[in-house]
């Protein structure tokens, strides 16, 4: 497999209308100015890059929770899940992953389970890196029940320039670890809520890879990880 194909292809279907628009814009720009045309071409290539949907090697052992998104781990804190999921007022362990405009924006299911609730909440478009974005920004939240009865939640959060959250999950749907389920345009955040006693296997500042990086292991007694940025 060529390096080019692993970086740029395949393209998520949600991106094709945007890519077509950028191609048309570039063609128009070239009729006015070669400089504008080259600018349009660069923007078209960026659009293709943004909507890339690379294959991932998903770890499948029971109990593993994989990252639902590519991006930087920005927070690991106790927090109450979104109220629309009706999971109570007790804080859970929240791991927040920030996606910049150069990250893969396809989102993946973190662990096998059954969707209890899939809910959309309209809201603001503050910077997704802000802590209060979890509470006030537009979001799509999912409550997932695992085979052993545990429940987790994961939430797509719109950001400063993100204006569209795409999610395909429905109430009662059975899902598998690493399965693609949505996408956020353009720059955003994804929060995942785990049981309070879960031990995080990532640290703040670490780069997570959607569908591959293990966030927690419910079948392990390994302590929470620590690390040093060098």
Protein backbone atom coordinates (compact mmCIF):
# COMPACT_ATOMS: atom_id res chain seq x y z
CA UNK A 1 0.00 0.00 0.00
CA UNK A 2 1.48 3.37 -1.02
CA UNK A 3 2.16 6.16 1.47
CA UNK A 4 -0.16 8.45 -0.51
CA UNK A 5 -3.09 6.06 -0.28
CA UNK A 6 -2.70 5.64 3.47
CA UNK A 7 -2.68 9.42 4.03
CA UNK A 8 -5.37 10.58 1.62
CA UNK A 9 -7.61 7.60 0.85
CA UNK A 10 -10.26 6.34 1.24
CA UNK A 11 -12.45 9.43 1.55
CA UNK A 12 -15.48 9.47 3.81
CA UNK A 13 -18.67 9.83 1.75
CA UNK A 14 -19.72 12.89 3.76
CA UNK A 15 -16.80 14.75 2.22
CA UNK A 16 -17.58 14.27 -1.46
CA UNK A 17 -20.05 17.20 -1.76
CA UNK A 18 -17.47 19.52 -0.19
CA UNK A 19 -14.66 18.23 -2.39
CA UNK A 20 -16.84 18.70 -5.48
CA UNK A 21 -17.58 22.26 -4.37
CA UNK A 22 -13.90 23.03 -3.89
CA UNK A 23 -13.08 21.57 -7.32
CA UNK A 24 -15.74 23.75 -8.95
CA UNK A 25 -14.51 26.80 -7.06
CA UNK A 26 -10.94 26.13 -8.16
CA UNK A 27 -11.98 25.85 -11.80
CA UNK A 28 -13.76 29.22 -11.55
CA UNK A 29 -10.76 30.79 -9.80
CA UNK A 30 -8.44 29.69 -12.61
CA UNK A 31 -10.59 31.56 -15.14
CA UNK A 32 -9.90 34.80 -13.28
CA UNK A 33 -6.34 34.36 -12.02
CA UNK A 34 -3.73 31.64 -11.88
CA UNK A 35 -2.85 32.77 -8.35
CA UNK A 36 -6.47 32.35 -7.20
CA UNK A 37 -6.56 29.02 -8.98
CA UNK A 38 -3.50 27.73 -7.12
CA UNK A 39 -4.99 28.91 -3.84
CA UNK A 40 -8.18 27.02 -4.70
CA UNK A 41 -6.15 23.92 -5.52
CA UNK A 42 -4.39 24.02 -2.15
CA UNK A 43 -7.77 24.38 -0.41
CA UNK A 44 -9.14 21.46 -2.43
CA UNK A 45 -6.24 19.24 -1.38
CA UNK A 46 -6.79 20.26 2.24
CA UNK A 47 -10.48 19.36 1.93
CA UNK A 48 -9.57 15.92 0.59
CA UNK A 49 -7.11 15.49 3.45
CA UNK A 50 -9.69 16.56 6.03
CA UNK A 51 -12.25 13.96 4.94
CA UNK A 52 -9.79 11.06 4.79
CA UNK A 53 -11.04 7.86 6.41
CA UNK A 54 -8.02 5.61 6.96
CA UNK A 55 -8.26 1.95 7.87
CA UNK A 56 -7.45 1.15 11.47
CA UNK A 57 -6.34 -2.01 13.29
CA UNK A 58 -8.84 -2.33 16.14
CA UNK A 59 -7.93 -4.31 19.31
CA UNK A 60 -10.86 -6.62 20.01
CA UNK A 61 -10.24 -8.23 23.41
CA UNK A 62 -13.24 -7.89 25.72
CA UNK A 63 -13.01 -5.02 28.17
CA UNK A 64 -10.86 -2.76 26.03
CA UNK A 65 -12.12 0.79 25.49
CA UNK A 66 -10.57 2.38 22.40
CA UNK A 67 -10.43 6.03 21.53
CA UNK A 68 -13.50 7.18 19.58
CA UNK A 69 -11.50 9.91 17.83
CA UNK A 70 -8.09 11.09 16.69
CA UNK A 71 -6.68 14.02 18.62
CA UNK A 72 -4.98 15.27 21.75
CA UNK A 73 -6.10 14.13 25.19
CA UNK A 74 -6.81 17.48 26.87
CA UNK A 75 -8.61 16.55 30.10
CA UNK A 76 -9.11 13.55 32.37
CA UNK A 77 -11.51 14.68 35.09
CA UNK A 78 -14.60 13.59 37.05
CA UNK A 79 -17.72 15.01 35.41
CA UNK A 80 -21.46 14.39 35.22
CA UNK A 81 -22.66 13.04 31.84
CA UNK A 82 -25.01 15.20 29.73
CA UNK A 83 -28.50 15.39 31.29
CA UNK A 84 -30.23 14.19 28.12
CA UNK A 85 -28.68 10.74 28.68
CA UNK A 86 -30.37 10.41 32.10
CA UNK A 87 -27.38 8.73 33.75
CA UNK A 88 -27.78 10.46 37.11
CA UNK A 89 -25.86 13.17 38.91
CA UNK A 90 -22.89 11.09 40.04
CA UNK A 91 -19.65 12.11 38.31
CA UNK A 92 -17.99 9.64 35.96
CA UNK A 93 -14.45 9.64 34.60
CA UNK A 94 -14.41 11.93 31.56
CA UNK A 95 -11.63 11.78 28.98
CA UNK A 96 -11.73 14.68 26.51
CA UNK A 97 -10.10 14.48 23.09
CA UNK A 98 -9.63 17.65 21.03
CA UNK A 99 -9.64 17.34 17.25
CA UNK A 100 -7.91 20.10 15.27
CA UNK A 101 -8.56 20.72 11.58
CA UNK A 102 -5.70 18.39 10.58
CA UNK A 103 -6.92 15.34 12.53
CA UNK A 104 -9.03 12.54 11.07
CA UNK A 105 -12.61 13.50 11.96
CA UNK A 106 -14.32 10.13 11.50
CA UNK A 107 -15.58 8.89 14.88
CA UNK A 108 -15.61 5.27 16.05
CA UNK A 109 -17.49 3.26 18.68
CA UNK A 110 -15.20 2.74 21.72
CA UNK A 111 -16.46 -0.70 22.83
CA UNK A 112 -19.07 -3.38 22.06
CA UNK A 113 -22.52 -2.65 23.43
CA UNK A 114 -26.13 -1.66 22.87
CA UNK A 115 -27.21 1.95 22.40
CA UNK A 116 -29.59 2.90 25.22
CA UNK A 117 -29.99 6.54 24.22
CA UNK A 118 -28.79 8.60 21.27
CA UNK A 119 -29.66 12.26 21.79
CA UNK A 120 -28.96 15.55 20.02
CA UNK A 121 -28.68 18.80 21.99
CA UNK A 122 -28.55 22.21 20.23
CA UNK A 123 -26.18 24.76 21.71
CA UNK A 124 -23.38 27.26 21.20
CA UNK A 125 -20.17 27.03 19.19
CA UNK A 126 -17.48 28.00 21.69
CA UNK A 127 -13.94 26.75 21.23
CA UNK A 128 -14.02 22.99 21.80
CA UNK A 129 -10.86 23.26 23.90
CA UNK A 130 -12.77 25.10 26.64
CA UNK A 131 -13.98 23.07 29.61
CA UNK A 132 -17.51 24.51 29.48
CA UNK A 133 -17.89 23.39 25.85
CA UNK A 134 -19.06 20.05 27.27
CA UNK A 135 -22.06 21.79 28.84
CA UNK A 136 -23.03 24.58 26.45
CA UNK A 137 -21.97 23.59 22.93
CA UNK A 138 -24.04 21.75 20.36
CA UNK A 139 -23.56 18.02 20.85
CA UNK A 140 -24.69 14.50 20.01
CA UNK A 141 -24.51 12.13 22.97
CA UNK A 142 -24.73 8.34 23.19
CA UNK A 143 -25.38 6.16 26.24
CA UNK A 144 -24.05 2.65 25.71
CA UNK A 145 -24.76 -0.45 27.80
CA UNK A 146 -22.10 -3.16 27.76
CA UNK A 147 -22.67 -6.90 27.89
CA UNK A 148 -21.86 -7.03 31.62
CA UNK A 149 -24.30 -4.22 32.45
CA UNK A 150 -21.74 -1.42 32.75
CA UNK A 151 -22.64 1.82 31.01
CA UNK A 152 -20.48 4.43 29.33
CA UNK A 153 -21.24 7.52 27.29
CA UNK A 154 -19.52 9.29 24.41
CA UNK A 155 -20.34 12.74 23.14
CA UNK A 156 -19.52 14.55 19.88
CA UNK A 157 -19.16 18.27 20.60
CA UNK A 158 -19.18 21.01 17.98
CA UNK A 159 -16.35 23.54 18.10
CA UNK A 160 -15.66 27.11 17.10
CA UNK A 161 -15.78 26.39 13.36
CA UNK A 162 -17.67 23.08 13.48
CA UNK A 163 -21.24 23.50 12.28
CA UNK A 164 -22.34 19.96 11.57
CA UNK A 165 -22.36 16.80 13.66
CA UNK A 166 -23.09 13.57 11.81
CA UNK A 167 -24.07 10.45 13.77
CA UNK A 168 -25.71 7.24 12.60
CA UNK A 169 -26.51 5.54 15.92
CA UNK A 170 -30.10 4.80 16.99
CA UNK A 171 -31.70 3.64 20.22
CA UNK A 172 -31.49 -0.13 20.61
CA UNK A 173 -28.73 -0.54 18.02
CA UNK A 174 -25.98 -3.08 18.73
CA UNK A 175 -22.50 -1.79 17.91
CA UNK A 176 -18.97 -3.14 17.79
CA UNK A 177 -15.62 -1.77 18.89
CA UNK A 178 -14.05 0.44 16.23
CA UNK A 179 -17.19 0.66 14.11
CA UNK A 180 -17.52 4.01 12.32
CA UNK A 181 -20.54 5.93 13.54
CA UNK A 182 -20.12 9.61 12.73
CA UNK A 183 -18.09 12.66 11.86
CA UNK A 184 -17.80 16.30 12.96
CA UNK A 185 -16.93 19.21 10.64
CA UNK A 186 -14.40 21.10 11.09
CA UNK A 187 -12.47 21.04 14.37
CA UNK A 188 -14.23 19.71 17.43
CA UNK A 189 -14.06 17.58 20.56
CA UNK A 190 -15.17 14.17 21.74
CA UNK A 191 -15.80 13.32 25.40
CA UNK A 192 -16.05 9.77 26.70
CA UNK A 193 -17.49 9.00 30.14
CA UNK A 194 -16.32 5.84 31.90
CA UNK A 195 -17.22 4.36 35.32
CA UNK A 196 -15.56 6.38 38.08
CA UNK A 197 -13.32 3.47 39.11
CA UNK A 198 -11.92 3.00 35.58
CA UNK A 199 -8.16 3.48 35.33
CA UNK A 200 -7.16 5.69 32.37
CA UNK A 201 -4.40 4.25 30.22
CA UNK A 202 -3.70 7.58 28.51
CA UNK A 203 -2.41 10.86 29.92
CA UNK A 204 -3.13 14.52 29.21
CA UNK A 205 -1.09 15.67 26.23
CA UNK A 206 -1.00 12.24 24.58
CA UNK A 207 -2.15 11.91 20.97
CA UNK A 208 -4.91 9.33 20.60
CA UNK A 209 -5.67 7.39 17.43
CA UNK A 210 -9.34 6.62 16.86
CA UNK A 211 -10.12 2.91 16.91
CA UNK A 212 -6.60 1.96 18.05
CA UNK A 213 -5.44 3.79 21.19
CA UNK A 214 -6.66 2.01 24.35
CA UNK A 215 -8.19 4.46 26.83
CA UNK A 216 -9.06 1.92 29.53
CA UNK A 217 -9.22 -1.82 30.17
CA UNK A 218 -12.17 -3.04 32.23
CA UNK A 219 -10.64 -6.52 32.44
CA UNK A 220 -7.34 -5.37 33.90
CA UNK A 221 -6.16 -4.22 37.34
CA UNK A 222 -3.39 -2.11 35.84
CA UNK A 223 -3.16 1.26 37.63
CA UNK A 224 -3.76 4.57 35.90
CA UNK A 225 -0.80 5.62 33.79
CA UNK A 226 1.45 8.57 34.40
CA UNK A 227 3.92 10.05 32.01
CA UNK A 228 6.34 12.82 31.17
CA UNK A 229 6.19 15.00 28.08
CA UNK A 230 9.70 15.33 26.65
